[in-house]
């Protein structure tokens, strides 16, 4: 059995409330109902109202009462290029040039942050 053509719900997490949610995939939402800014799709936590990042399909949320694991999970995923691309408006842009520019800028910021930390 093949999963070809299957559209999965997008996974979001609120690191303040320590909860994970699944929302309708962008491909299934009419364009006029999707809110996107420079940080990607705008999805708010239903409990606290804070903006939630797209954490990807592979995110396994820690138990709600394990604050240390949530802190570690946030640090791990927010430090990846995949996370940065998913949470930018480039997920809706088909231009390879824009994506390449974004990746280069992201790498430069990371390199600079690494030098500053040392």
PDB file of N, CA and C in Angstrom:
ATOM      1  N   UNK A   1       0.841  -1.186   0.000  1.00  0.00           N
ATOM      2  CA  UNK A   1       0.000   0.000   0.000  1.00  0.00           C
ATOM      3  C   UNK A   1       0.885   1.249   0.000  1.00  0.00           C
ATOM      4  N   UNK A   2       0.619   2.168  -0.875  1.00  0.00           N
ATOM      5  CA  UNK A   2       1.433   3.359  -1.032  1.00  0.00           C
ATOM      6  C   UNK A   2       0.770   4.568  -0.370  1.00  0.00           C
ATOM      7  N   UNK A   3       1.603   5.466   0.169  1.00  0.00           N
ATOM      8  CA  UNK A   3       1.100   6.709   0.767  1.00  0.00           C
ATOM      9  C   UNK A   3       1.177   7.859  -0.221  1.00  0.00           C
ATOM     10  N   UNK A   4       1.430   7.552  -1.497  1.00  0.00           N
ATOM     11  CA  UNK A   4       1.582   8.585  -2.503  1.00  0.00           C
ATOM     12  C   UNK A   4       0.286   9.395  -2.613  1.00  0.00           C
ATOM     13  N   UNK A   5       0.426  10.708  -2.579  1.00  0.00           N
ATOM     14  CA  UNK A   5      -0.736  11.565  -2.697  1.00  0.00           C
ATOM     15  C   UNK A   5      -1.434  11.861  -1.378  1.00  0.00           C
ATOM     16  N   UNK A   6      -0.952  11.273  -0.280  1.00  0.00           N
ATOM     17  CA  UNK A   6      -1.558  11.513   1.025  1.00  0.00           C
ATOM     18  C   UNK A   6      -1.109  12.882   1.538  1.00  0.00           C
ATOM     19  N   UNK A   7      -2.037  13.666   2.034  1.00  0.00           N
ATOM     20  CA  UNK A   7      -1.712  14.968   2.611  1.00  0.00           C
ATOM     21  C   UNK A   7      -1.874  14.867   4.120  1.00  0.00           C
ATOM     22  N   UNK A   8      -0.776  15.052   4.834  1.00  0.00           N
ATOM     23  CA  UNK A   8      -0.799  14.967   6.288  1.00  0.00           C
ATOM     24  C   UNK A   8      -1.089  16.328   6.899  1.00  0.00           C
ATOM     25  N   UNK A   9      -1.717  16.313   8.056  1.00  0.00           N
ATOM     26  CA  UNK A   9      -1.934  17.557   8.791  1.00  0.00           C
ATOM     27  C   UNK A   9      -0.580  18.088   9.254  1.00  0.00           C
ATOM     28  N   UNK A  10      -0.484  19.422   9.341  1.00  0.00           N
ATOM     29  CA  UNK A  10       0.750  20.034   9.807  1.00  0.00           C
ATOM     30  C   UNK A  10       0.779  20.016  11.331  1.00  0.00           C
ATOM     31  N   UNK A  11       1.959  19.806  11.889  1.00  0.00           N
ATOM     32  CA  UNK A  11       2.113  19.697  13.332  1.00  0.00           C
ATOM     33  C   UNK A  11       2.684  21.000  13.896  1.00  0.00           C
ATOM     34  N   UNK A  12       2.029  21.492  14.929  1.00  0.00           N
ATOM     35  CA  UNK A  12       2.438  22.732  15.594  1.00  0.00           C
ATOM     36  C   UNK A  12       2.595  22.452  17.084  1.00  0.00           C
ATOM     37  N   UNK A  13       3.425  23.260  17.747  1.00  0.00           N
ATOM     38  CA  UNK A  13       3.614  23.078  19.186  1.00  0.00           C
ATOM     39  C   UNK A  13       3.641  24.438  19.874  1.00  0.00           C
ATOM     40  N   UNK A  14       3.041  24.461  21.052  1.00  0.00           N
ATOM     41  CA  UNK A  14       3.121  25.639  21.913  1.00  0.00           C
ATOM     42  C   UNK A  14       4.085  25.269  23.031  1.00  0.00           C
ATOM     43  N   UNK A  15       5.236  25.900  23.030  1.00  0.00           N
ATOM     44  CA  UNK A  15       6.245  25.566  24.034  1.00  0.00           C
ATOM     45  C   UNK A  15       5.952  26.226  25.373  1.00  0.00           C
ATOM     46  N   UNK A  16       5.055  27.211  25.395  1.00  0.00           N
ATOM     47  CA  UNK A  16       4.647  27.823  26.663  1.00  0.00           C
ATOM     48  C   UNK A  16       3.682  26.913  27.422  1.00  0.00           C
ATOM     49  N   UNK A  17       2.682  26.394  26.683  1.00  0.00           N
ATOM     50  CA  UNK A  17       1.676  25.515  27.298  1.00  0.00           C
ATOM     51  C   UNK A  17       2.128  24.056  27.321  1.00  0.00           C
ATOM     52  N   UNK A  18       3.181  23.759  26.568  1.00  0.00           N
ATOM     53  CA  UNK A  18       3.700  22.395  26.420  1.00  0.00           C
ATOM     54  C   UNK A  18       2.624  21.462  25.848  1.00  0.00           C
ATOM     55  N   UNK A  19       2.080  21.890  24.686  1.00  0.00           N
ATOM     56  CA  UNK A  19       1.070  21.100  23.993  1.00  0.00           C
ATOM     57  C   UNK A  19       1.379  21.083  22.503  1.00  0.00           C
ATOM     58  N   UNK A  20       0.980  20.001  21.840  1.00  0.00           N
ATOM     59  CA  UNK A  20       1.153  19.881  20.398  1.00  0.00           C
ATOM     60  C   UNK A  20      -0.212  19.756  19.738  1.00  0.00           C
ATOM     61  N   UNK A  21      -0.328  20.299  18.538  1.00  0.00           N
ATOM     62  CA  UNK A  21      -1.587  20.298  17.802  1.00  0.00           C
ATOM     63  C   UNK A  21      -1.336  19.936  16.349  1.00  0.00           C
ATOM     64  N   UNK A  22      -2.364  19.396  15.701  1.00  0.00           N
ATOM     65  CA  UNK A  22      -2.331  19.143  14.268  1.00  0.00           C
ATOM     66  C   UNK A  22      -3.363  20.059  13.622  1.00  0.00           C
ATOM     67  N   UNK A  23      -2.941  20.736  12.563  1.00  0.00           N
ATOM     68  CA  UNK A  23      -3.830  21.659  11.855  1.00  0.00           C
ATOM     69  C   UNK A  23      -3.921  21.249  10.393  1.00  0.00           C
ATOM     70  N   UNK A  24      -4.987  21.645   9.751  1.00  0.00           N
ATOM     71  CA  UNK A  24      -5.204  21.343   8.342  1.00  0.00           C
ATOM     72  C   UNK A  24      -4.004  21.791   7.520  1.00  0.00           C
ATOM     73  N   UNK A  25      -3.593  20.950   6.586  1.00  0.00           N
ATOM     74  CA  UNK A  25      -2.449  21.248   5.743  1.00  0.00           C
ATOM     75  C   UNK A  25      -2.735  22.456   4.861  1.00  0.00           C
ATOM     76  N   UNK A  26      -1.699  23.248   4.589  1.00  0.00           N
ATOM     77  CA  UNK A  26      -1.830  24.434   3.735  1.00  0.00           C
ATOM     78  C   UNK A  26      -2.408  24.096   2.365  1.00  0.00           C
ATOM     79  N   UNK A  27      -2.098  22.900   1.869  1.00  0.00           N
ATOM     80  CA  UNK A  27      -2.558  22.496   0.540  1.00  0.00           C
ATOM     81  C   UNK A  27      -4.072  22.314   0.497  1.00  0.00           C
ATOM     82  N   UNK A  28      -4.703  22.144   1.653  1.00  0.00           N
ATOM     83  CA  UNK A  28      -6.148  21.923   1.710  1.00  0.00           C
ATOM     84  C   UNK A  28      -6.944  23.177   2.071  1.00  0.00           C
ATOM     85  N   UNK A  29      -6.233  24.236   2.444  1.00  0.00           N
ATOM     86  CA  UNK A  29      -6.896  25.464   2.870  1.00  0.00           C
ATOM     87  C   UNK A  29      -6.961  26.436   1.693  1.00  0.00           C
ATOM     88  N   UNK A  30      -8.139  27.011   1.400  1.00  0.00           N
ATOM     89  CA  UNK A  30      -8.217  28.007   0.325  1.00  0.00           C
ATOM     90  C   UNK A  30      -7.268  29.172   0.620  1.00  0.00           C
ATOM     91  N   UNK A  31      -6.582  29.646  -0.403  1.00  0.00           N
ATOM     92  CA  UNK A  31      -5.559  30.686  -0.225  1.00  0.00           C
ATOM     93  C   UNK A  31      -6.065  31.918   0.514  1.00  0.00           C
ATOM     94  N   UNK A  32      -7.325  32.292   0.310  1.00  0.00           N
ATOM     95  CA  UNK A  32      -7.835  33.494   0.975  1.00  0.00           C
ATOM     96  C   UNK A  32      -7.998  33.303   2.489  1.00  0.00           C
ATOM     97  N   UNK A  33      -7.948  32.051   2.970  1.00  0.00           N
ATOM     98  CA  UNK A  33      -8.098  31.783   4.400  1.00  0.00           C
ATOM     99  C   UNK A  33      -6.774  31.500   5.105  1.00  0.00           C
ATOM    100  N   UNK A  34      -5.673  31.558   4.367  1.00  0.00           N
ATOM    101  CA  UNK A  34      -4.355  31.290   4.953  1.00  0.00           C
ATOM    102  C   UNK A  34      -3.697  32.615   5.285  1.00  0.00           C
ATOM    103  N   UNK A  35      -3.223  32.745   6.505  1.00  0.00           N
ATOM    104  CA  UNK A  35      -2.528  33.953   6.941  1.00  0.00           C
ATOM    105  C   UNK A  35      -1.044  33.636   7.053  1.00  0.00           C
ATOM    106  N   UNK A  36      -0.239  34.349   6.267  1.00  0.00           N
ATOM    107  CA  UNK A  36       1.200  34.107   6.228  1.00  0.00           C
ATOM    108  C   UNK A  36       1.921  35.449   6.336  1.00  0.00           C
ATOM    109  N   UNK A  37       2.988  35.473   7.111  1.00  0.00           N
ATOM    110  CA  UNK A  37       3.838  36.655   7.155  1.00  0.00           C
ATOM    111  C   UNK A  37       5.278  36.197   6.979  1.00  0.00           C
ATOM    112  N   UNK A  38       6.245  37.057   7.311  1.00  0.00           N
ATOM    113  CA  UNK A  38       7.661  36.706   7.094  1.00  0.00           C
ATOM    114  C   UNK A  38       8.113  35.510   7.924  1.00  0.00           C
ATOM    115  N   UNK A  39       7.343  35.106   8.922  1.00  0.00           N
ATOM    116  CA  UNK A  39       7.698  33.942   9.736  1.00  0.00           C
ATOM    117  C   UNK A  39       6.839  32.722   9.416  1.00  0.00           C
ATOM    118  N   UNK A  40       6.201  32.710   8.261  1.00  0.00           N
ATOM    119  CA  UNK A  40       5.428  31.550   7.851  1.00  0.00           C
ATOM    120  C   UNK A  40       3.950  31.647   8.189  1.00  0.00           C
ATOM    121  N   UNK A  41       3.303  30.492   8.210  1.00  0.00           N
ATOM    122  CA  UNK A  41       1.864  30.422   8.481  1.00  0.00           C
ATOM    123  C   UNK A  41       1.593  30.864   9.916  1.00  0.00           C
ATOM    124  N   UNK A  42       0.546  31.634  10.090  1.00  0.00           N
ATOM    125  CA  UNK A  42       0.203  32.137  11.419  1.00  0.00           C
ATOM    126  C   UNK A  42      -0.819  31.191  12.046  1.00  0.00           C
ATOM    127  N   UNK A  43      -0.403  30.507  13.100  1.00  0.00           N
ATOM    128  CA  UNK A  43      -1.280  29.606  13.840  1.00  0.00           C
ATOM    129  C   UNK A  43      -1.083  29.915  15.321  1.00  0.00           C
ATOM    130  N   UNK A  44      -2.191  30.155  16.019  1.00  0.00           N
ATOM    131  CA  UNK A  44      -2.111  30.515  17.432  1.00  0.00           C
ATOM    132  C   UNK A  44      -2.550  29.368  18.327  1.00  0.00           C
ATOM    133  N   UNK A  45      -1.969  29.304  19.510  1.00  0.00           N
ATOM    134  CA  UNK A  45      -2.338  28.303  20.509  1.00  0.00           C
ATOM    135  C   UNK A  45      -3.752  28.604  21.001  1.00  0.00           C
ATOM    136  N   UNK A  46      -4.625  27.599  21.000  1.00  0.00           N
ATOM    137  CA  UNK A  46      -5.994  27.843  21.471  1.00  0.00           C
ATOM    138  C   UNK A  46      -6.076  28.109  22.977  1.00  0.00           C
ATOM    139  N   UNK A  47      -5.020  27.747  23.713  1.00  0.00           N
ATOM    140  CA  UNK A  47      -5.056  27.947  25.163  1.00  0.00           C
ATOM    141  C   UNK A  47      -4.500  29.311  25.571  1.00  0.00           C
ATOM    142  N   UNK A  48      -3.255  29.620  25.157  1.00  0.00           N
ATOM    143  CA  UNK A  48      -2.629  30.865  25.619  1.00  0.00           C
ATOM    144  C   UNK A  48      -2.630  31.968  24.570  1.00  0.00           C
ATOM    145  N   UNK A  49      -2.893  31.626  23.309  1.00  0.00           N
ATOM    146  CA  UNK A  49      -2.944  32.627  22.255  1.00  0.00           C
ATOM    147  C   UNK A  49      -1.602  32.969  21.631  1.00  0.00           C
ATOM    148  N   UNK A  50      -0.513  32.342  22.077  1.00  0.00           N
ATOM    149  CA  UNK A  50       0.798  32.605  21.486  1.00  0.00           C
ATOM    150  C   UNK A  50       0.898  31.936  20.124  1.00  0.00           C
ATOM    151  N   UNK A  51       1.740  32.497  19.279  1.00  0.00           N
ATOM    152  CA  UNK A  51       1.962  31.919  17.957  1.00  0.00           C
ATOM    153  C   UNK A  51       2.705  30.597  18.105  1.00  0.00           C
ATOM    154  N   UNK A  52       2.289  29.602  17.316  1.00  0.00           N
ATOM    155  CA  UNK A  52       2.925  28.280  17.375  1.00  0.00           C
ATOM    156  C   UNK A  52       3.719  28.024  16.101  1.00  0.00           C
ATOM    157  N   UNK A  53       4.941  27.515  16.224  1.00  0.00           N
ATOM    158  CA  UNK A  53       5.723  27.170  15.039  1.00  0.00           C
ATOM    159  C   UNK A  53       5.341  25.794  14.504  1.00  0.00           C
ATOM    160  N   UNK A  54       5.571  25.609  13.200  1.00  0.00           N
ATOM    161  CA  UNK A  54       5.399  24.308  12.560  1.00  0.00           C
ATOM    162  C   UNK A  54       6.606  23.466  12.963  1.00  0.00           C
ATOM    163  N   UNK A  55       6.367  22.380  13.673  1.00  0.00           N
ATOM    164  CA  UNK A  55       7.473  21.565  14.188  1.00  0.00           C
ATOM    165  C   UNK A  55       7.770  20.340  13.328  1.00  0.00           C
ATOM    166  N   UNK A  56       7.005  20.126  12.274  1.00  0.00           N
ATOM    167  CA  UNK A  56       7.275  19.011  11.373  1.00  0.00           C
ATOM    168  C   UNK A  56       6.572  17.736  11.787  1.00  0.00           C
ATOM    169  N   UNK A  57       6.477  16.818  10.831  1.00  0.00           N
ATOM    170  CA  UNK A  57       5.735  15.570  11.060  1.00  0.00           C
ATOM    171  C   UNK A  57       6.424  14.639  12.056  1.00  0.00           C
ATOM    172  N   UNK A  58       7.730  14.741  12.190  1.00  0.00           N
ATOM    173  CA  UNK A  58       8.468  13.807  13.041  1.00  0.00           C
ATOM    174  C   UNK A  58       8.540  14.229  14.510  1.00  0.00           C
ATOM    175  N   UNK A  59       7.985  15.382  14.843  1.00  0.00           N
ATOM    176  CA  UNK A  59       8.057  15.877  16.226  1.00  0.00           C
ATOM    177  C   UNK A  59       7.246  14.979  17.160  1.00  0.00           C
ATOM    178  N   UNK A  60       7.894  14.499  18.172  1.00  0.00           N
ATOM    179  CA  UNK A  60       7.228  13.695  19.210  1.00  0.00           C
ATOM    180  C   UNK A  60       7.191  14.546  20.477  1.00  0.00           C
ATOM    181  N   UNK A  61       6.019  15.063  20.842  1.00  0.00           N
ATOM    182  CA  UNK A  61       5.958  15.941  22.015  1.00  0.00           C
ATOM    183  C   UNK A  61       6.263  15.191  23.310  1.00  0.00           C
ATOM    184  N   UNK A  62       7.071  15.801  24.158  1.00  0.00           N
ATOM    185  CA  UNK A  62       7.323  15.200  25.475  1.00  0.00           C
ATOM    186  C   UNK A  62       6.053  15.238  26.325  1.00  0.00           C
ATOM    187  N   UNK A  63       6.084  14.584  27.457  1.00  0.00           N
ATOM    188  CA  UNK A  63       4.948  14.636  28.374  1.00  0.00           C
ATOM    189  C   UNK A  63       4.773  16.075  28.853  1.00  0.00           C
ATOM    190  N   UNK A  64       3.527  16.457  29.066  1.00  0.00           N
ATOM    191  CA  UNK A  64       3.211  17.844  29.416  1.00  0.00           C
ATOM    192  C   UNK A  64       3.954  18.338  30.659  1.00  0.00           C
ATOM    193  N   UNK A  65       4.116  17.481  31.655  1.00  0.00           N
ATOM    194  CA  UNK A  65       4.732  17.926  32.908  1.00  0.00           C
ATOM    195  C   UNK A  65       6.260  17.871  32.896  1.00  0.00           C
ATOM    196  N   UNK A  66       6.883  17.496  31.774  1.00  0.00           N
ATOM    197  CA  UNK A  66       8.340  17.397  31.693  1.00  0.00           C
ATOM    198  C   UNK A  66       8.918  18.658  31.045  1.00  0.00           C
ATOM    199  N   UNK A  67       9.052  19.706  31.840  1.00  0.00           N
ATOM    200  CA  UNK A  67       9.502  21.008  31.347  1.00  0.00           C
ATOM    201  C   UNK A  67      10.888  20.945  30.728  1.00  0.00           C
ATOM    202  N   UNK A  68      11.774  20.161  31.311  1.00  0.00           N
ATOM    203  CA  UNK A  68      13.150  20.064  30.802  1.00  0.00           C
ATOM    204  C   UNK A  68      13.187  19.454  29.400  1.00  0.00           C
ATOM    205  N   UNK A  69      12.381  18.416  29.161  1.00  0.00           N
ATOM    206  CA  UNK A  69      12.326  17.800  27.829  1.00  0.00           C
ATOM    207  C   UNK A  69      11.731  18.760  26.799  1.00  0.00           C
ATOM    208  N   UNK A  70      10.738  19.553  27.187  1.00  0.00           N
ATOM    209  CA  UNK A  70      10.168  20.537  26.275  1.00  0.00           C
ATOM    210  C   UNK A  70      11.199  21.590  25.905  1.00  0.00           C
ATOM    211  N   UNK A  71      11.971  22.015  26.887  1.00  0.00           N
ATOM    212  CA  UNK A  71      13.011  23.016  26.646  1.00  0.00           C
ATOM    213  C   UNK A  71      14.063  22.451  25.686  1.00  0.00           C
ATOM    214  N   UNK A  72      14.442  21.220  25.894  1.00  0.00           N
ATOM    215  CA  UNK A  72      15.428  20.547  25.043  1.00  0.00           C
ATOM    216  C   UNK A  72      14.873  20.341  23.624  1.00  0.00           C
ATOM    217  N   UNK A  73      13.605  19.950  23.514  1.00  0.00           N
ATOM    218  CA  UNK A  73      12.972  19.739  22.208  1.00  0.00           C
ATOM    219  C   UNK A  73      12.932  21.044  21.416  1.00  0.00           C
ATOM    220  N   UNK A  74      12.591  22.131  22.086  1.00  0.00           N
ATOM    221  CA  UNK A  74      12.548  23.428  21.423  1.00  0.00           C
ATOM    222  C   UNK A  74      13.923  23.831  20.908  1.00  0.00           C
ATOM    223  N   UNK A  75      14.941  23.625  21.737  1.00  0.00           N
ATOM    224  CA  UNK A  75      16.307  23.965  21.331  1.00  0.00           C
ATOM    225  C   UNK A  75      16.764  23.122  20.140  1.00  0.00           C
ATOM    226  N   UNK A  76      16.434  21.841  20.158  1.00  0.00           N
ATOM    227  CA  UNK A  76      16.847  20.944  19.066  1.00  0.00           C
ATOM    228  C   UNK A  76      16.195  21.307  17.743  1.00  0.00           C
ATOM    229  N   UNK A  77      14.884  21.452  17.747  1.00  0.00           N
ATOM    230  CA  UNK A  77      14.216  21.671  16.464  1.00  0.00           C
ATOM    231  C   UNK A  77      14.392  23.084  15.941  1.00  0.00           C
ATOM    232  N   UNK A  78      14.469  24.075  16.816  1.00  0.00           N
ATOM    233  CA  UNK A  78      14.583  25.450  16.340  1.00  0.00           C
ATOM    234  C   UNK A  78      15.970  25.751  15.790  1.00  0.00           C
ATOM    235  N   UNK A  79      16.887  24.824  15.946  1.00  0.00           N
ATOM    236  CA  UNK A  79      18.251  25.016  15.471  1.00  0.00           C
ATOM    237  C   UNK A  79      18.493  24.313  14.136  1.00  0.00           C
ATOM    238  N   UNK A  80      17.432  23.904  13.444  1.00  0.00           N
ATOM    239  CA  UNK A  80      17.599  23.186  12.189  1.00  0.00           C
ATOM    240  C   UNK A  80      17.140  24.037  11.010  1.00  0.00           C
ATOM    241  N   UNK A  81      17.761  23.822   9.885  1.00  0.00           N
ATOM    242  CA  UNK A  81      17.394  24.541   8.676  1.00  0.00           C
ATOM    243  C   UNK A  81      15.989  24.163   8.229  1.00  0.00           C
ATOM    244  N   UNK A  82      15.640  22.903   8.376  1.00  0.00           N
ATOM    245  CA  UNK A  82      14.311  22.435   7.997  1.00  0.00           C
ATOM    246  C   UNK A  82      13.236  23.225   8.747  1.00  0.00           C
ATOM    247  N   UNK A  83      13.444  23.429  10.047  1.00  0.00           N
ATOM    248  CA  UNK A  83      12.518  24.197  10.879  1.00  0.00           C
ATOM    249  C   UNK A  83      12.446  25.646  10.379  1.00  0.00           C
ATOM    250  N   UNK A  84      13.597  26.215  10.053  1.00  0.00           N
ATOM    251  CA  UNK A  84      13.643  27.606   9.601  1.00  0.00           C
ATOM    252  C   UNK A  84      12.888  27.780   8.287  1.00  0.00           C
ATOM    253  N   UNK A  85      13.028  26.823   7.381  1.00  0.00           N
ATOM    254  CA  UNK A  85      12.332  26.918   6.099  1.00  0.00           C
ATOM    255  C   UNK A  85      10.829  26.715   6.288  1.00  0.00           C
ATOM    256  N   UNK A  86      10.442  25.730   7.109  1.00  0.00           N
ATOM    257  CA  UNK A  86       9.018  25.475   7.344  1.00  0.00           C
ATOM    258  C   UNK A  86       8.329  26.683   7.961  1.00  0.00           C
ATOM    259  N   UNK A  87       9.048  27.439   8.762  1.00  0.00           N
ATOM    260  CA  UNK A  87       8.461  28.569   9.463  1.00  0.00           C
ATOM    261  C   UNK A  87       8.831  29.901   8.820  1.00  0.00           C
ATOM    262  N   UNK A  88       9.038  29.882   7.531  1.00  0.00           N
ATOM    263  CA  UNK A  88       9.266  31.121   6.789  1.00  0.00           C
ATOM    264  C   UNK A  88       8.248  31.174   5.663  1.00  0.00           C
ATOM    265  N   UNK A  89       8.083  32.337   5.068  1.00  0.00           N
ATOM    266  CA  UNK A  89       7.119  32.444   3.979  1.00  0.00           C
ATOM    267  C   UNK A  89       7.608  31.735   2.722  1.00  0.00           C
ATOM    268  N   UNK A  90       8.814  31.206   2.729  1.00  0.00           N
ATOM    269  CA  UNK A  90       9.352  30.521   1.558  1.00  0.00           C
ATOM    270  C   UNK A  90       8.693  29.182   1.294  1.00  0.00           C
ATOM    271  N   UNK A  91       7.952  28.638   2.253  1.00  0.00           N
ATOM    272  CA  UNK A  91       7.260  27.380   1.986  1.00  0.00           C
ATOM    273  C   UNK A  91       6.228  27.568   0.883  1.00  0.00           C
ATOM    274  N   UNK A  92       5.827  28.793   0.629  1.00  0.00           N
ATOM    275  CA  UNK A  92       4.826  29.067  -0.394  1.00  0.00           C
ATOM    276  C   UNK A  92       5.421  29.680  -1.659  1.00  0.00           C
ATOM    277  N   UNK A  93       6.727  29.752  -1.718  1.00  0.00           N
ATOM    278  CA  UNK A  93       7.398  30.343  -2.866  1.00  0.00           C
ATOM    279  C   UNK A  93       8.098  29.236  -3.636  1.00  0.00           C
ATOM    280  N   UNK A  94       7.910  29.213  -4.922  1.00  0.00           N
ATOM    281  CA  UNK A  94       8.506  28.162  -5.738  1.00  0.00           C
ATOM    282  C   UNK A  94       9.861  28.574  -6.305  1.00  0.00           C
ATOM    283  N   UNK A  95      10.320  29.757  -6.016  1.00  0.00           N
ATOM    284  CA  UNK A  95      11.563  30.255  -6.583  1.00  0.00           C
ATOM    285  C   UNK A  95      12.783  29.630  -5.906  1.00  0.00           C
ATOM    286  N   UNK A  96      13.540  28.893  -6.680  1.00  0.00           N
ATOM    287  CA  UNK A  96      14.766  28.280  -6.145  1.00  0.00           C
ATOM    288  C   UNK A  96      15.768  29.353  -5.745  1.00  0.00           C
ATOM    289  N   UNK A  97      15.782  30.478  -6.466  1.00  0.00           N
ATOM    290  CA  UNK A  97      16.719  31.556  -6.164  1.00  0.00           C
ATOM    291  C   UNK A  97      16.440  32.132  -4.770  1.00  0.00           C
ATOM    292  N   UNK A  98      15.161  32.356  -4.456  1.00  0.00           N
ATOM    293  CA  UNK A  98      14.797  32.888  -3.141  1.00  0.00           C
ATOM    294  C   UNK A  98      15.140  31.890  -2.040  1.00  0.00           C
ATOM    295  N   UNK A  99      14.889  30.619  -2.293  1.00  0.00           N
ATOM    296  CA  UNK A  99      15.205  29.597  -1.304  1.00  0.00           C
ATOM    297  C   UNK A  99      16.714  29.523  -1.066  1.00  0.00           C
ATOM    298  N   UNK A 100      17.491  29.578  -2.129  1.00  0.00           N
ATOM    299  CA  UNK A 100      18.951  29.531  -2.002  1.00  0.00           C
ATOM    300  C   UNK A 100      19.455  30.736  -1.201  1.00  0.00           C
ATOM    301  N   UNK A 101      18.899  31.928  -1.497  1.00  0.00           N
ATOM    302  CA  UNK A 101      19.292  33.137  -0.769  1.00  0.00           C
ATOM    303  C   UNK A 101      18.953  33.004   0.716  1.00  0.00           C
ATOM    304  N   UNK A 102      17.774  32.479   0.998  1.00  0.00           N
ATOM    305  CA  UNK A 102      17.363  32.287   2.391  1.00  0.00           C
ATOM    306  C   UNK A 102      18.327  31.347   3.117  1.00  0.00           C
ATOM    307  N   UNK A 103      18.679  30.231   2.482  1.00  0.00           N
ATOM    308  CA  UNK A 103      19.582  29.257   3.094  1.00  0.00           C
ATOM    309  C   UNK A 103      20.946  29.886   3.345  1.00  0.00           C
ATOM    310  N   UNK A 104      21.454  30.658   2.384  1.00  0.00           N
ATOM    311  CA  UNK A 104      22.755  31.312   2.559  1.00  0.00           C
ATOM    312  C   UNK A 104      22.723  32.299   3.723  1.00  0.00           C
ATOM    313  N   UNK A 105      21.651  33.097   3.810  1.00  0.00           N
ATOM    314  CA  UNK A 105      21.528  34.057   4.918  1.00  0.00           C
ATOM    315  C   UNK A 105      21.416  33.331   6.255  1.00  0.00           C
ATOM    316  N   UNK A 106      20.678  32.242   6.266  1.00  0.00           N
ATOM    317  CA  UNK A 106      20.523  31.453   7.488  1.00  0.00           C
ATOM    318  C   UNK A 106      21.883  30.910   7.929  1.00  0.00           C
ATOM    319  N   UNK A 107      22.650  30.383   6.993  1.00  0.00           N
ATOM    320  CA  UNK A 107      23.972  29.842   7.321  1.00  0.00           C
ATOM    321  C   UNK A 107      24.904  30.923   7.849  1.00  0.00           C
ATOM    322  N   UNK A 108      24.833  32.128   7.263  1.00  0.00           N
ATOM    323  CA  UNK A 108      25.675  33.223   7.736  1.00  0.00           C
ATOM    324  C   UNK A 108      25.314  33.620   9.159  1.00  0.00           C
ATOM    325  N   UNK A 109      24.018  33.696   9.456  1.00  0.00           N
ATOM    326  CA  UNK A 109      23.584  34.036  10.811  1.00  0.00           C
ATOM    327  C   UNK A 109      24.057  32.987  11.807  1.00  0.00           C
ATOM    328  N   UNK A 110      23.952  31.718  11.419  1.00  0.00           N
ATOM    329  CA  UNK A 110      24.383  30.617  12.281  1.00  0.00           C
ATOM    330  C   UNK A 110      25.887  30.701  12.534  1.00  0.00           C
ATOM    331  N   UNK A 111      26.642  30.967  11.486  1.00  0.00           N
ATOM    332  CA  UNK A 111      28.105  31.051  11.614  1.00  0.00           C
ATOM    333  C   UNK A 111      28.467  32.205  12.535  1.00  0.00           C
ATOM    334  N   UNK A 112      27.780  33.350  12.370  1.00  0.00           N
ATOM    335  CA  UNK A 112      28.043  34.512  13.206  1.00  0.00           C
ATOM    336  C   UNK A 112      27.703  34.222  14.658  1.00  0.00           C
ATOM    337  N   UNK A 113      26.569  33.564  14.893  1.00  0.00           N
ATOM    338  CA  UNK A 113      26.158  33.217  16.258  1.00  0.00           C
ATOM    339  C   UNK A 113      27.174  32.280  16.891  1.00  0.00           C
ATOM    340  N   UNK A 114      27.723  31.366  16.104  1.00  0.00           N
ATOM    341  CA  UNK A 114      28.707  30.419  16.627  1.00  0.00           C
ATOM    342  C   UNK A 114      29.979  31.150  17.039  1.00  0.00           C
ATOM    343  N   UNK A 115      30.396  32.122  16.236  1.00  0.00           N
ATOM    344  CA  UNK A 115      31.600  32.891  16.555  1.00  0.00           C
ATOM    345  C   UNK A 115      31.379  33.711  17.815  1.00  0.00           C
ATOM    346  N   UNK A 116      30.209  34.330  17.949  1.00  0.00           N
ATOM    347  CA  UNK A 116      29.884  35.157  19.110  1.00  0.00           C
ATOM    348  C   UNK A 116      29.859  34.302  20.378  1.00  0.00           C
ATOM    349  N   UNK A 117      29.337  33.083  20.291  1.00  0.00           N
ATOM    350  CA  UNK A 117      29.252  32.213  21.460  1.00  0.00           C
ATOM    351  C   UNK A 117      30.624  31.769  21.954  1.00  0.00           C
ATOM    352  N   UNK A 118      31.569  31.623  21.050  1.00  0.00           N
ATOM    353  CA  UNK A 118      32.908  31.120  21.419  1.00  0.00           C
ATOM    354  C   UNK A 118      33.650  32.074  22.257  1.00  0.00           C
TER     355      UNK A 118
END
